[in-house]
């Protein structure tokens, strides 16, 4: 346990050799790297290791990582403000797209929000992010 209350609140699942689990502090640097190299994902001054760590602590157990062995292949930030949920920075490594990983991440995030009593969710996608809009 890395000090995130609720860490592990998502049940770990396996699909096609990929393990989907709650994002951990140790995933942050690799997730930021994935987001930086994924077209259509925009990072801001808040998307530092410290900023993402604060987000994970504020929204315990909601954000997800998808792993193939020790390789992070997808990640999404999920949280809420007490009335509305937010999904951001959903990215799937190019080698793992079209396998249902992104859909599984989104579905699991929406279930976690619902369990927390959150019935509305905003998903942020840039207009120029064609693959994100198609998804």
Foldseek 3Di string as FASTA:
>chain_A
DQPAVCAFVQPWDDDPQKIKGFDDLVCLVVLVVQLVPAPQADDDPLSDSVNVVVQCNQAPRQWMFIDRVPHTFWTWRWHDDLAEIEIGSTGGHPVCPPRCPSVVSVVSNCVVCVVVVHDHYDYDTDPPRVVVVVD
